[in-house]
Amino acid sequence: MSASQGGHVVAELFAELEQKLESILGQMEGLKRANAELQAALAAREQALKEAQATLEKLTRERDQVRERVDKILNRLKILDLGESA
């Protein structure tokens, strides 16, 4: 193999290596973008979950308050009913 042929082979190998490297770098950039999009989607879902949990807690408190008020009214009616029975 002559020096010029060896130099040509080395140049081809470097060109192939450069091509593969460019391909890998392109894939890496695509993965970075996809990761950023997924991170943003996750943050949005986490925020929605927090809001849903807060709403659930509020509704649970309201339900408990209503239940307590209904129980008080029922107890008052029961006392009235007992008074009429006597």
C-alpha atoms as a PDB file:
ATOM      1  CA  MET A   1       0.000   0.000   0.000  1.00  0.00           C
ATOM      2  CA  SER A   2       1.474   3.327  -1.008  1.00  0.00           C
ATOM      3  CA  ALA A   3       1.549   6.398   1.210  1.00  0.00           C
ATOM      4  CA  SER A   4      -1.134   8.074  -0.867  1.00  0.00           C
ATOM      5  CA  GLN A   5      -3.405   5.043  -0.594  1.00  0.00           C
ATOM      6  CA  GLY A   6      -2.839   4.893   3.175  1.00  0.00           C
ATOM      7  CA  GLY A   7      -3.638   8.590   3.473  1.00  0.00           C
ATOM      8  CA  HIS A   8      -6.781   8.095   1.423  1.00  0.00           C
ATOM      9  CA  VAL A   9      -7.932   5.215   3.686  1.00  0.00           C
ATOM     10  CA  VAL A  10      -7.292   7.318   6.787  1.00  0.00           C
ATOM     11  CA  ALA A  11      -9.227  10.224   5.275  1.00  0.00           C
ATOM     12  CA  GLU A  12     -12.153   7.901   4.501  1.00  0.00           C
ATOM     13  CA  LEU A  13     -12.094   6.538   8.048  1.00  0.00           C
ATOM     14  CA  PHE A  14     -12.088  10.049   9.483  1.00  0.00           C
ATOM     15  CA  ALA A  15     -14.948  11.049   7.186  1.00  0.00           C
ATOM     16  CA  GLU A  16     -16.945   7.999   8.293  1.00  0.00           C
ATOM     17  CA  LEU A  17     -16.159   8.727  11.935  1.00  0.00           C
ATOM     18  CA  GLU A  18     -17.195  12.349  11.484  1.00  0.00           C
ATOM     19  CA  GLN A  19     -20.442  11.265   9.827  1.00  0.00           C
ATOM     20  CA  LYS A  20     -21.255   8.872  12.674  1.00  0.00           C
ATOM     21  CA  LEU A  21     -20.403  11.529  15.236  1.00  0.00           C
ATOM     22  CA  GLU A  22     -22.716  14.041  13.522  1.00  0.00           C
ATOM     23  CA  SER A  23     -25.477  11.441  13.531  1.00  0.00           C
ATOM     24  CA  ILE A  24     -24.992  10.729  17.237  1.00  0.00           C
ATOM     25  CA  LEU A  25     -24.916  14.444  18.062  1.00  0.00           C
ATOM     26  CA  GLY A  26     -28.155  14.935  16.105  1.00  0.00           C
ATOM     27  CA  GLN A  27     -29.794  12.093  18.002  1.00  0.00           C
ATOM     28  CA  MET A  28     -28.546  13.554  21.266  1.00  0.00           C
ATOM     29  CA  GLU A  29     -30.082  16.948  20.468  1.00  0.00           C
ATOM     30  CA  GLY A  30     -33.372  15.269  19.603  1.00  0.00           C
ATOM     31  CA  LEU A  31     -33.308  13.365  22.875  1.00  0.00           C
ATOM     32  CA  LYS A  32     -32.556  16.562  24.792  1.00  0.00           C
ATOM     33  CA  ARG A  33     -35.586  18.255  23.202  1.00  0.00           C
ATOM     34  CA  ALA A  34     -37.786  15.251  23.921  1.00  0.00           C
ATOM     35  CA  ASN A  35     -36.551  15.172  27.513  1.00  0.00           C
ATOM     36  CA  ALA A  36     -37.312  18.874  27.963  1.00  0.00           C
ATOM     37  CA  GLU A  37     -40.826  18.336  26.576  1.00  0.00           C
ATOM     38  CA  LEU A  38     -41.376  15.384  28.903  1.00  0.00           C
ATOM     39  CA  GLN A  39     -40.103  17.382  31.882  1.00  0.00           C
ATOM     40  CA  ALA A  40     -42.524  20.194  31.055  1.00  0.00           C
ATOM     41  CA  ALA A  41     -45.404  17.732  30.671  1.00  0.00           C
ATOM     42  CA  LEU A  42     -44.510  16.112  33.980  1.00  0.00           C
ATOM     43  CA  ALA A  43     -44.399  19.473  35.746  1.00  0.00           C
ATOM     44  CA  ALA A  44     -47.824  20.328  34.313  1.00  0.00           C
ATOM     45  CA  ARG A  45     -49.249  16.980  35.462  1.00  0.00           C
ATOM     46  CA  GLU A  46     -47.755  17.409  38.927  1.00  0.00           C
ATOM     47  CA  GLN A  47     -49.330  20.866  39.171  1.00  0.00           C
ATOM     48  CA  ALA A  48     -52.690  19.500  38.029  1.00  0.00           C
ATOM     49  CA  LEU A  49     -52.417  16.734  40.622  1.00  0.00           C
ATOM     50  CA  LYS A  50     -51.691  19.253  43.391  1.00  0.00           C
ATOM     51  CA  GLU A  51     -54.698  21.301  42.331  1.00  0.00           C
ATOM     52  CA  ALA A  52     -56.916  18.222  42.246  1.00  0.00           C
ATOM     53  CA  GLN A  53     -55.724  17.189  45.709  1.00  0.00           C
ATOM     54  CA  ALA A  54     -56.440  20.665  47.062  1.00  0.00           C
ATOM     55  CA  THR A  55     -59.928  20.573  45.532  1.00  0.00           C
ATOM     56  CA  LEU A  56     -60.548  17.130  47.006  1.00  0.00           C
ATOM     57  CA  GLU A  57     -59.464  18.307  50.461  1.00  0.00           C
ATOM     58  CA  LYS A  58     -61.746  21.359  50.188  1.00  0.00           C
ATOM     59  CA  LEU A  59     -64.712  19.246  49.089  1.00  0.00           C
ATOM     60  CA  THR A  60     -64.057  16.743  51.878  1.00  0.00           C
ATOM     61  CA  ARG A  61     -64.051  19.542  54.466  1.00  0.00           C
ATOM     62  CA  GLU A  62     -67.255  20.984  53.020  1.00  0.00           C
ATOM     63  CA  ARG A  63     -68.912  17.544  53.034  1.00  0.00           C
ATOM     64  CA  ASP A  64     -67.900  17.016  56.652  1.00  0.00           C
ATOM     65  CA  GLN A  65     -69.316  20.413  57.599  1.00  0.00           C
ATOM     66  CA  VAL A  66     -72.597  19.677  55.825  1.00  0.00           C
ATOM     67  CA  ARG A  67     -72.784  16.255  57.475  1.00  0.00           C
ATOM     68  CA  GLU A  68     -72.214  17.856  60.879  1.00  0.00           C
ATOM     69  CA  ARG A  69     -74.952  20.428  60.260  1.00  0.00           C
ATOM     70  CA  VAL A  70     -77.389  17.751  59.078  1.00  0.00           C
ATOM     71  CA  ASP A  71     -76.600  15.641  62.165  1.00  0.00           C
ATOM     72  CA  LYS A  72     -77.304  18.652  64.408  1.00  0.00           C
ATOM     73  CA  ILE A  73     -80.611  19.296  62.649  1.00  0.00           C
ATOM     74  CA  LEU A  74     -81.583  15.616  62.925  1.00  0.00           C
ATOM     75  CA  ASN A  75     -80.715  15.619  66.625  1.00  0.00           C
ATOM     76  CA  ARG A  76     -82.841  18.720  67.169  1.00  0.00           C
ATOM     77  CA  LEU A  77     -85.722  17.095  65.321  1.00  0.00           C
ATOM     78  CA  LYS A  78     -85.299  13.943  67.382  1.00  0.00           C
ATOM     79  CA  ILE A  79     -85.445  16.000  70.581  1.00  0.00           C
ATOM     80  CA  LEU A  80     -88.606  17.722  69.316  1.00  0.00           C
ATOM     81  CA  ASP A  81     -90.120  14.366  68.409  1.00  0.00           C
ATOM     82  CA  LEU A  82     -89.299  12.969  71.847  1.00  0.00           C
ATOM     83  CA  GLY A  83     -90.877  16.008  73.446  1.00  0.00           C
ATOM     84  CA  GLU A  84     -94.094  15.520  71.493  1.00  0.00           C
ATOM     85  CA  SER A  85     -94.198  11.818  72.362  1.00  0.00           C
ATOM     86  CA  ALA A  86     -94.060  12.517  76.056  1.00  0.00           C
END
